[in-house]
PDB file of N, CA and C in Angstrom:
ATOM      1  N   UNK A   1    -128.596  81.214  98.413  1.00  0.00           N
ATOM      2  CA  UNK A   1    -129.982  81.368  99.453  1.00  0.00           C
ATOM      3  C   UNK A   1    -129.395  82.140 100.907  1.00  0.00           C
ATOM      4  N   UNK A   2    -127.811  81.404 101.294  1.00  0.00           N
ATOM      5  CA  UNK A   2    -127.537  82.787 102.085  1.00  0.00           C
ATOM      6  C   UNK A   2    -128.718  84.502 102.324  1.00  0.00           C
ATOM      7  N   UNK A   3    -128.809  84.496 100.954  1.00  0.00           N
ATOM      8  CA  UNK A   3    -128.773  86.550 100.286  1.00  0.00           C
ATOM      9  C   UNK A   3    -130.632  86.284 101.009  1.00  0.00           C
ATOM     10  N   UNK A   4    -131.391  85.170 101.500  1.00  0.00           N
ATOM     11  CA  UNK A   4    -132.750  85.150 101.480  1.00  0.00           C
ATOM     12  C   UNK A   4    -132.587  84.715 103.385  1.00  0.00           C
ATOM     13  N   UNK A   5    -132.188  83.841 103.250  1.00  0.00           N
ATOM     14  CA  UNK A   5    -131.320  83.659 104.500  1.00  0.00           C
ATOM     15  C   UNK A   5    -131.267  84.654 106.336  1.00  0.00           C
ATOM     16  N   UNK A   6    -129.969  85.467 104.644  1.00  0.00           N
ATOM     17  CA  UNK A   6    -129.920  86.535 105.593  1.00  0.00           C
ATOM     18  C   UNK A   6    -130.995  87.710 105.781  1.00  0.00           C
ATOM     19  N   UNK A   7    -131.620  88.004 105.171  1.00  0.00           N
ATOM     20  CA  UNK A   7    -133.409  88.605 104.776  1.00  0.00           C
ATOM     21  C   UNK A   7    -134.060  88.865 106.070  1.00  0.00           C
ATOM     22  N   UNK A   8    -133.933  87.260 106.285  1.00  0.00           N
ATOM     23  CA  UNK A   8    -135.348  86.310 106.946  1.00  0.00           C
ATOM     24  C   UNK A   8    -135.415  86.721 108.002  1.00  0.00           C
ATOM     25  N   UNK A   9    -133.166  86.790 108.612  1.00  0.00           N
ATOM     26  CA  UNK A   9    -133.306  86.776 109.812  1.00  0.00           C
ATOM     27  C   UNK A   9    -133.063  88.396 110.156  1.00  0.00           C
ATOM     28  N   UNK A  10    -132.236  89.140 109.349  1.00  0.00           N
ATOM     29  CA  UNK A  10    -132.375  90.279 109.769  1.00  0.00           C
ATOM     30  C   UNK A  10    -133.560  91.096 109.994  1.00  0.00           C
ATOM     31  N   UNK A  11    -134.586  90.984 109.616  1.00  0.00           N
ATOM     32  CA  UNK A  11    -135.907  91.073 110.054  1.00  0.00           C
ATOM     33  C   UNK A  11    -136.343  92.071 107.850  1.00  0.00           C
ATOM     34  N   UNK A  12    -135.417  92.108 108.176  1.00  0.00           N
ATOM     35  CA  UNK A  12    -135.546  92.692 107.005  1.00  0.00           C
ATOM     36  C   UNK A  12    -137.144  92.833 105.966  1.00  0.00           C
ATOM     37  N   UNK A  13    -137.485  95.082 105.272  1.00  0.00           N
ATOM     38  CA  UNK A  13    -138.730  95.215 105.376  1.00  0.00           C
ATOM     39  C   UNK A  13    -138.612  94.893 103.296  1.00  0.00           C
ATOM     40  N   UNK A  14    -139.933  94.043 103.387  1.00  0.00           N
ATOM     41  CA  UNK A  14    -139.465  93.791 102.041  1.00  0.00           C
ATOM     42  C   UNK A  14    -138.751  94.423 100.333  1.00  0.00           C
ATOM     43  N   UNK A  15    -139.178  96.121 101.416  1.00  0.00           N
ATOM     44  CA  UNK A  15    -138.957  97.387 100.792  1.00  0.00           C
ATOM     45  C   UNK A  15    -137.859  97.221 100.125  1.00  0.00           C
ATOM     46  N   UNK A  16    -136.406  96.452 101.126  1.00  0.00           N
ATOM     47  CA  UNK A  16    -135.334  96.638 100.937  1.00  0.00           C
ATOM     48  C   UNK A  16    -134.664  95.013 100.393  1.00  0.00           C
ATOM     49  N   UNK A  17    -135.755  94.079 100.671  1.00  0.00           N
ATOM     50  CA  UNK A  17    -135.510  92.784  99.388  1.00  0.00           C
ATOM     51  C   UNK A  17    -135.392  93.586  98.068  1.00  0.00           C
ATOM     52  N   UNK A  18    -133.998  92.722  97.778  1.00  0.00           N
ATOM     53  CA  UNK A  18    -134.028  92.363  96.015  1.00  0.00           C
ATOM     54  C   UNK A  18    -134.700  91.414  95.945  1.00  0.00           C
ATOM     55  N   UNK A  19    -135.809  90.585  95.661  1.00  0.00           N
ATOM     56  CA  UNK A  19    -136.355  90.024  94.715  1.00  0.00           C
ATOM     57  C   UNK A  19    -135.437  89.114  93.376  1.00  0.00           C
ATOM     58  N   UNK A  20    -134.378  89.313  93.090  1.00  0.00           N
ATOM     59  CA  UNK A  20    -133.874  89.727  91.792  1.00  0.00           C
ATOM     60  C   UNK A  20    -133.044  88.414  91.900  1.00  0.00           C
ATOM     61  N   UNK A  21    -132.335  88.661  93.776  1.00  0.00           N
ATOM     62  CA  UNK A  21    -131.234  87.788  93.909  1.00  0.00           C
ATOM     63  C   UNK A  21    -131.076  86.252  94.130  1.00  0.00           C
ATOM     64  N   UNK A  22    -132.494  86.011  93.929  1.00  0.00           N
ATOM     65  CA  UNK A  22    -132.849  84.183  93.756  1.00  0.00           C
ATOM     66  C   UNK A  22    -134.100  84.569  92.859  1.00  0.00           C
ATOM     67  N   UNK A  23    -134.345  83.163  93.765  1.00  0.00           N
ATOM     68  CA  UNK A  23    -135.388  82.378  92.605  1.00  0.00           C
ATOM     69  C   UNK A  23    -135.879  81.498  93.452  1.00  0.00           C
ATOM     70  N   UNK A  24    -137.266  81.039  93.111  1.00  0.00           N
ATOM     71  CA  UNK A  24    -138.407  80.746  93.894  1.00  0.00           C
ATOM     72  C   UNK A  24    -137.940  79.965  93.888  1.00  0.00           C
ATOM     73  N   UNK A  25    -137.274  78.825  93.935  1.00  0.00           N
ATOM     74  CA  UNK A  25    -136.850  76.993  93.655  1.00  0.00           C
ATOM     75  C   UNK A  25    -135.660  77.470  95.115  1.00  0.00           C
ATOM     76  N   UNK A  26    -135.605  78.536  94.545  1.00  0.00           N
ATOM     77  CA  UNK A  26    -134.057  78.839  95.978  1.00  0.00           C
ATOM     78  C   UNK A  26    -135.412  78.758  97.354  1.00  0.00           C
ATOM     79  N   UNK A  27    -135.999  80.449  97.339  1.00  0.00           N
ATOM     80  CA  UNK A  27    -136.498  80.148  98.600  1.00  0.00           C
ATOM     81  C   UNK A  27    -137.682  78.502  98.650  1.00  0.00           C
ATOM     82  N   UNK A  28    -137.919  78.019  98.276  1.00  0.00           N
ATOM     83  CA  UNK A  28    -138.774  76.723  98.316  1.00  0.00           C
ATOM     84  C   UNK A  28    -138.058  75.550  99.225  1.00  0.00           C
ATOM     85  N   UNK A  29    -136.738  75.826  99.318  1.00  0.00           N
ATOM     86  CA  UNK A  29    -135.719  75.279  98.760  1.00  0.00           C
ATOM     87  C   UNK A  29    -135.437  75.261 100.783  1.00  0.00           C
ATOM     88  N   UNK A  30    -134.861  77.129 101.148  1.00  0.00           N
ATOM     89  CA  UNK A  30    -134.874  77.474 101.913  1.00  0.00           C
ATOM     90  C   UNK A  30    -135.834  77.310 103.646  1.00  0.00           C
ATOM     91  N   UNK A  31    -136.854  77.468 102.435  1.00  0.00           N
ATOM     92  CA  UNK A  31    -138.628  76.666 102.683  1.00  0.00           C
ATOM     93  C   UNK A  31    -138.394  75.897 104.053  1.00  0.00           C
ATOM     94  N   UNK A  32    -137.443  74.295 103.534  1.00  0.00           N
ATOM     95  CA  UNK A  32    -137.749  73.347 103.017  1.00  0.00           C
ATOM     96  C   UNK A  32    -136.980  73.154 104.855  1.00  0.00           C
ATOM     97  N   UNK A  33    -135.804  73.615 103.869  1.00  0.00           N
ATOM     98  CA  UNK A  33    -135.063  73.380 104.775  1.00  0.00           C
ATOM     99  C   UNK A  33    -134.203  73.801 106.682  1.00  0.00           C
ATOM    100  N   UNK A  34    -136.016  75.258 106.715  1.00  0.00           N
ATOM    101  CA  UNK A  34    -136.762  75.622 107.558  1.00  0.00           C
ATOM    102  C   UNK A  34    -137.331  74.550 108.576  1.00  0.00           C
ATOM    103  N   UNK A  35    -138.156  73.779 107.329  1.00  0.00           N
ATOM    104  CA  UNK A  35    -138.913  72.877 108.236  1.00  0.00           C
ATOM    105  C   UNK A  35    -138.402  71.511 108.976  1.00  0.00           C
ATOM    106  N   UNK A  36    -137.352  70.922 108.470  1.00  0.00           N
ATOM    107  CA  UNK A  36    -136.407  70.533 108.472  1.00  0.00           C
ATOM    108  C   UNK A  36    -135.684  70.142 109.665  1.00  0.00           C
ATOM    109  N   UNK A  37    -135.052  71.430 110.570  1.00  0.00           N
ATOM    110  CA  UNK A  37    -134.423  71.420 111.138  1.00  0.00           C
ATOM    111  C   UNK A  37    -134.367  71.507 113.326  1.00  0.00           C
ATOM    112  N   UNK A  38    -133.536  70.680 113.277  1.00  0.00           N
ATOM    113  CA  UNK A  38    -133.960  70.851 114.654  1.00  0.00           C
ATOM    114  C   UNK A  38    -134.191  71.590 116.037  1.00  0.00           C
ATOM    115  N   UNK A  39    -135.483  71.309 116.624  1.00  0.00           N
ATOM    116  CA  UNK A  39    -134.958  73.197 118.063  1.00  0.00           C
ATOM    117  C   UNK A  39    -133.810  71.981 118.483  1.00  0.00           C
ATOM    118  N   UNK A  40    -133.557  72.968 119.469  1.00  0.00           N
ATOM    119  CA  UNK A  40    -131.995  73.235 120.482  1.00  0.00           C
ATOM    120  C   UNK A  40    -132.454  72.124 121.225  1.00  0.00           C
ATOM    121  N   UNK A  41    -133.890  71.938 121.304  1.00  0.00           N
ATOM    122  CA  UNK A  41    -134.935  71.026 122.674  1.00  0.00           C
ATOM    123  C   UNK A  41    -134.680  70.442 122.565  1.00  0.00           C
ATOM    124  N   UNK A  42    -134.700  69.461 121.406  1.00  0.00           N
ATOM    125  CA  UNK A  42    -134.745  68.695 120.911  1.00  0.00           C
ATOM    126  C   UNK A  42    -133.337  67.945 120.664  1.00  0.00           C
ATOM    127  N   UNK A  43    -132.573  68.292 121.000  1.00  0.00           N
ATOM    128  CA  UNK A  43    -130.902  68.038 120.614  1.00  0.00           C
ATOM    129  C   UNK A  43    -130.096  67.109 121.790  1.00  0.00           C
ATOM    130  N   UNK A  44    -130.343  66.087 121.951  1.00  0.00           N
ATOM    131  CA  UNK A  44    -129.972  65.796 123.683  1.00  0.00           C
ATOM    132  C   UNK A  44    -128.664  64.213 122.528  1.00  0.00           C
ATOM    133  N   UNK A  45    -128.497  64.373 121.364  1.00  0.00           N
ATOM    134  CA  UNK A  45    -126.694  63.935 121.888  1.00  0.00           C
ATOM    135  C   UNK A  45    -125.813  64.223 120.331  1.00  0.00           C
ATOM    136  N   UNK A  46    -124.889  64.435 120.091  1.00  0.00           N
ATOM    137  CA  UNK A  46    -123.929  64.795 119.346  1.00  0.00           C
ATOM    138  C   UNK A  46    -124.502  64.344 117.588  1.00  0.00           C
ATOM    139  N   UNK A  47    -125.020  62.905 117.748  1.00  0.00           N
ATOM    140  CA  UNK A  47    -125.247  62.168 116.304  1.00  0.00           C
ATOM    141  C   UNK A  47    -127.169  63.514 116.446  1.00  0.00           C
ATOM    142  N   UNK A  48    -127.771  63.648 116.961  1.00  0.00           N
ATOM    143  CA  UNK A  48    -128.327  64.317 117.122  1.00  0.00           C
ATOM    144  C   UNK A  48    -128.295  65.596 115.936  1.00  0.00           C
ATOM    145  N   UNK A  49    -127.975  66.258 116.846  1.00  0.00           N
ATOM    146  CA  UNK A  49    -127.279  67.556 116.297  1.00  0.00           C
ATOM    147  C   UNK A  49    -126.476  67.980 115.684  1.00  0.00           C
ATOM    148  N   UNK A  50    -125.986  66.547 114.705  1.00  0.00           N
ATOM    149  CA  UNK A  50    -124.932  66.573 113.320  1.00  0.00           C
ATOM    150  C   UNK A  50    -126.213  66.277 111.503  1.00  0.00           C
ATOM    151  N   UNK A  51    -127.653  66.214 112.828  1.00  0.00           N
ATOM    152  CA  UNK A  51    -128.198  66.668 111.435  1.00  0.00           C
ATOM    153  C   UNK A  51    -128.640  68.171 111.101  1.00  0.00           C
ATOM    154  N   UNK A  52    -128.196  68.877 112.423  1.00  0.00           N
ATOM    155  CA  UNK A  52    -128.472  69.669 111.681  1.00  0.00           C
ATOM    156  C   UNK A  52    -127.203  70.493 111.120  1.00  0.00           C
ATOM    157  N   UNK A  53    -126.711  69.987 110.729  1.00  0.00           N
ATOM    158  CA  UNK A  53    -125.149  70.666 109.844  1.00  0.00           C
ATOM    159  C   UNK A  53    -125.555  70.692 108.463  1.00  0.00           C
ATOM    160  N   UNK A  54    -124.820  71.645 107.681  1.00  0.00           N
ATOM    161  CA  UNK A  54    -125.813  70.968 105.898  1.00  0.00           C
ATOM    162  C   UNK A  54    -126.346  71.958 105.617  1.00  0.00           C
ATOM    163  N   UNK A  55    -127.381  72.032 106.700  1.00  0.00           N
ATOM    164  CA  UNK A  55    -128.859  72.845 107.261  1.00  0.00           C
ATOM    165  C   UNK A  55    -128.001  74.784 106.916  1.00  0.00           C
ATOM    166  N   UNK A  56    -128.577  74.924 105.204  1.00  0.00           N
ATOM    167  CA  UNK A  56    -128.502  76.171 104.848  1.00  0.00           C
ATOM    168  C   UNK A  56    -128.880  77.187 106.701  1.00  0.00           C
ATOM    169  N   UNK A  57    -129.693  77.503 107.372  1.00  0.00           N
ATOM    170  CA  UNK A  57    -129.712  78.061 108.284  1.00  0.00           C
ATOM    171  C   UNK A  57    -128.970  77.756 108.990  1.00  0.00           C
ATOM    172  N   UNK A  58    -129.255  76.771 109.477  1.00  0.00           N
ATOM    173  CA  UNK A  58    -128.062  76.416 111.227  1.00  0.00           C
ATOM    174  C   UNK A  58    -126.968  77.708 111.002  1.00  0.00           C
ATOM    175  N   UNK A  59    -125.976  76.495 109.217  1.00  0.00           N
ATOM    176  CA  UNK A  59    -125.478  77.618 108.664  1.00  0.00           C
ATOM    177  C   UNK A  59    -124.884  78.640 108.620  1.00  0.00           C
ATOM    178  N   UNK A  60    -125.884  78.929 108.277  1.00  0.00           N
ATOM    179  CA  UNK A  60    -125.853  80.693 108.913  1.00  0.00           C
ATOM    180  C   UNK A  60    -126.183  80.996 110.039  1.00  0.00           C
ATOM    181  N   UNK A  61    -126.835  81.149 111.038  1.00  0.00           N
ATOM    182  CA  UNK A  61    -126.872  81.839 112.069  1.00  0.00           C
ATOM    183  C   UNK A  61    -124.990  81.215 113.120  1.00  0.00           C
ATOM    184  N   UNK A  62    -125.549  80.180 113.077  1.00  0.00           N
ATOM    185  CA  UNK A  62    -123.679  79.431 113.848  1.00  0.00           C
ATOM    186  C   UNK A  62    -122.421  80.300 113.304  1.00  0.00           C
ATOM    187  N   UNK A  63    -122.969  80.725 111.797  1.00  0.00           N
ATOM    188  CA  UNK A  63    -121.069  81.574 111.076  1.00  0.00           C
ATOM    189  C   UNK A  63    -121.811  82.531 111.641  1.00  0.00           C
ATOM    190  N   UNK A  64    -122.408  83.510 111.545  1.00  0.00           N
ATOM    191  CA  UNK A  64    -123.719  84.740 112.461  1.00  0.00           C
ATOM    192  C   UNK A  64    -122.072  85.129 113.849  1.00  0.00           C
ATOM    193  N   UNK A  65    -123.104  83.732 114.744  1.00  0.00           N
ATOM    194  CA  UNK A  65    -122.756  83.539 116.017  1.00  0.00           C
ATOM    195  C   UNK A  65    -121.034  83.462 116.299  1.00  0.00           C
ATOM    196  N   UNK A  66    -120.419  82.909 115.452  1.00  0.00           N
ATOM    197  CA  UNK A  66    -118.910  82.485 115.736  1.00  0.00           C
ATOM    198  C   UNK A  66    -118.770  84.058 114.929  1.00  0.00           C
ATOM    199  N   UNK A  67    -118.780  84.067 114.251  1.00  0.00           N
ATOM    200  CA  UNK A  67    -118.340  85.514 114.136  1.00  0.00           C
ATOM    201  C   UNK A  67    -119.020  87.099 115.044  1.00  0.00           C
ATOM    202  N   UNK A  68    -120.094  87.822 115.697  1.00  0.00           N
ATOM    203  CA  UNK A  68    -119.843  87.687 116.423  1.00  0.00           C
ATOM    204  C   UNK A  68    -119.106  87.831 117.579  1.00  0.00           C
ATOM    205  N   UNK A  69    -119.369  86.946 118.119  1.00  0.00           N
ATOM    206  CA  UNK A  69    -117.606  86.123 118.868  1.00  0.00           C
ATOM    207  C   UNK A  69    -116.917  86.387 118.669  1.00  0.00           C
ATOM    208  N   UNK A  70    -116.404  86.480 117.770  1.00  0.00           N
ATOM    209  CA  UNK A  70    -114.627  87.068 117.439  1.00  0.00           C
ATOM    210  C   UNK A  70    -114.782  88.091 117.077  1.00  0.00           C
ATOM    211  N   UNK A  71    -115.451  89.358 116.449  1.00  0.00           N
ATOM    212  CA  UNK A  71    -115.746  90.059 117.188  1.00  0.00           C
ATOM    213  C   UNK A  71    -115.865  91.099 118.345  1.00  0.00           C
ATOM    214  N   UNK A  72    -116.394  90.610 120.047  1.00  0.00           N
ATOM    215  CA  UNK A  72    -115.985  91.317 120.558  1.00  0.00           C
ATOM    216  C   UNK A  72    -115.329  90.414 122.363  1.00  0.00           C
ATOM    217  N   UNK A  73    -114.988  89.719 120.904  1.00  0.00           N
ATOM    218  CA  UNK A  73    -113.899  88.542 121.898  1.00  0.00           C
ATOM    219  C   UNK A  73    -112.377  90.637 123.630  1.00  0.00           C
ATOM    220  N   UNK A  74    -112.042  89.518 124.245  1.00  0.00           N
ATOM    221  CA  UNK A  74    -111.412  90.260 124.466  1.00  0.00           C
ATOM    222  C   UNK A  74    -110.329  89.893 125.037  1.00  0.00           C
ATOM    223  N   UNK A  75    -110.113  88.674 124.047  1.00  0.00           N
ATOM    224  CA  UNK A  75    -108.345  88.048 124.837  1.00  0.00           C
ATOM    225  C   UNK A  75    -108.106  87.698 122.861  1.00  0.00           C
ATOM    226  N   UNK A  76    -108.233  88.995 121.929  1.00  0.00           N
ATOM    227  CA  UNK A  76    -108.204  89.104 120.845  1.00  0.00           C
ATOM    228  C   UNK A  76    -106.084  88.848 120.795  1.00  0.00           C
ATOM    229  N   UNK A  77    -106.547  87.945 120.035  1.00  0.00           N
ATOM    230  CA  UNK A  77    -104.513  87.832 120.008  1.00  0.00           C
ATOM    231  C   UNK A  77    -104.244  88.185 118.626  1.00  0.00           C
ATOM    232  N   UNK A  78    -103.448  88.731 117.726  1.00  0.00           N
ATOM    233  CA  UNK A  78    -102.275  89.343 116.983  1.00  0.00           C
ATOM    234  C   UNK A  78    -101.676  88.339 116.471  1.00  0.00           C
ATOM    235  N   UNK A  79    -100.989  88.104 114.838  1.00  0.00           N
ATOM    236  CA  UNK A  79    -100.122  87.646 115.248  1.00  0.00           C
ATOM    237  C   UNK A  79     -98.612  88.717 114.253  1.00  0.00           C
ATOM    238  N   UNK A  80     -97.927  88.639 115.126  1.00  0.00           N
ATOM    239  CA  UNK A  80     -96.702  89.651 115.140  1.00  0.00           C
ATOM    240  C   UNK A  80     -96.351  89.481 113.781  1.00  0.00           C
ATOM    241  N   UNK A  81     -95.469  91.161 113.709  1.00  0.00           N
ATOM    242  CA  UNK A  81     -95.128  90.954 111.713  1.00  0.00           C
ATOM    243  C   UNK A  81     -93.956  90.309 111.962  1.00  0.00           C
ATOM    244  N   UNK A  82     -93.339  89.162 110.870  1.00  0.00           N
ATOM    245  CA  UNK A  82     -93.216  89.208 110.434  1.00  0.00           C
ATOM    246  C   UNK A  82     -92.320  89.581 108.751  1.00  0.00           C
ATOM    247  N   UNK A  83     -90.965  90.761 110.032  1.00  0.00           N
ATOM    248  CA  UNK A  83     -90.447  91.450 108.882  1.00  0.00           C
ATOM    249  C   UNK A  83     -88.837  90.592 108.436  1.00  0.00           C
ATOM    250  N   UNK A  84     -89.119  89.388 108.885  1.00  0.00           N
ATOM    251  CA  UNK A  84     -87.685  88.256 108.377  1.00  0.00           C
ATOM    252  C   UNK A  84     -87.286  88.289 107.292  1.00  0.00           C
ATOM    253  N   UNK A  85     -86.437  88.753 107.210  1.00  0.00           N
ATOM    254  CA  UNK A  85     -85.295  88.811 105.520  1.00  0.00           C
ATOM    255  C   UNK A  85     -84.428  87.888 105.044  1.00  0.00           C
TER     256      UNK A  85
END
């Protein structure tokens, strides 16, 4: 189902979409997930925010934003090579 969200999120042209990579049931599921997603404007407390957890669209966008933040962070810390033998 993430493939469907990825196509939607990236604004993929129909010629770029591999329609064999998902089923009609999965497409219907993502459609329903989109309609059950709370707007950030409607989230006023932690309990309401939790309503979006495990929503396939919310999780995709959240993970994409986290990856972007990590990749562009100026304060990266790398683990030291451990040559202890």
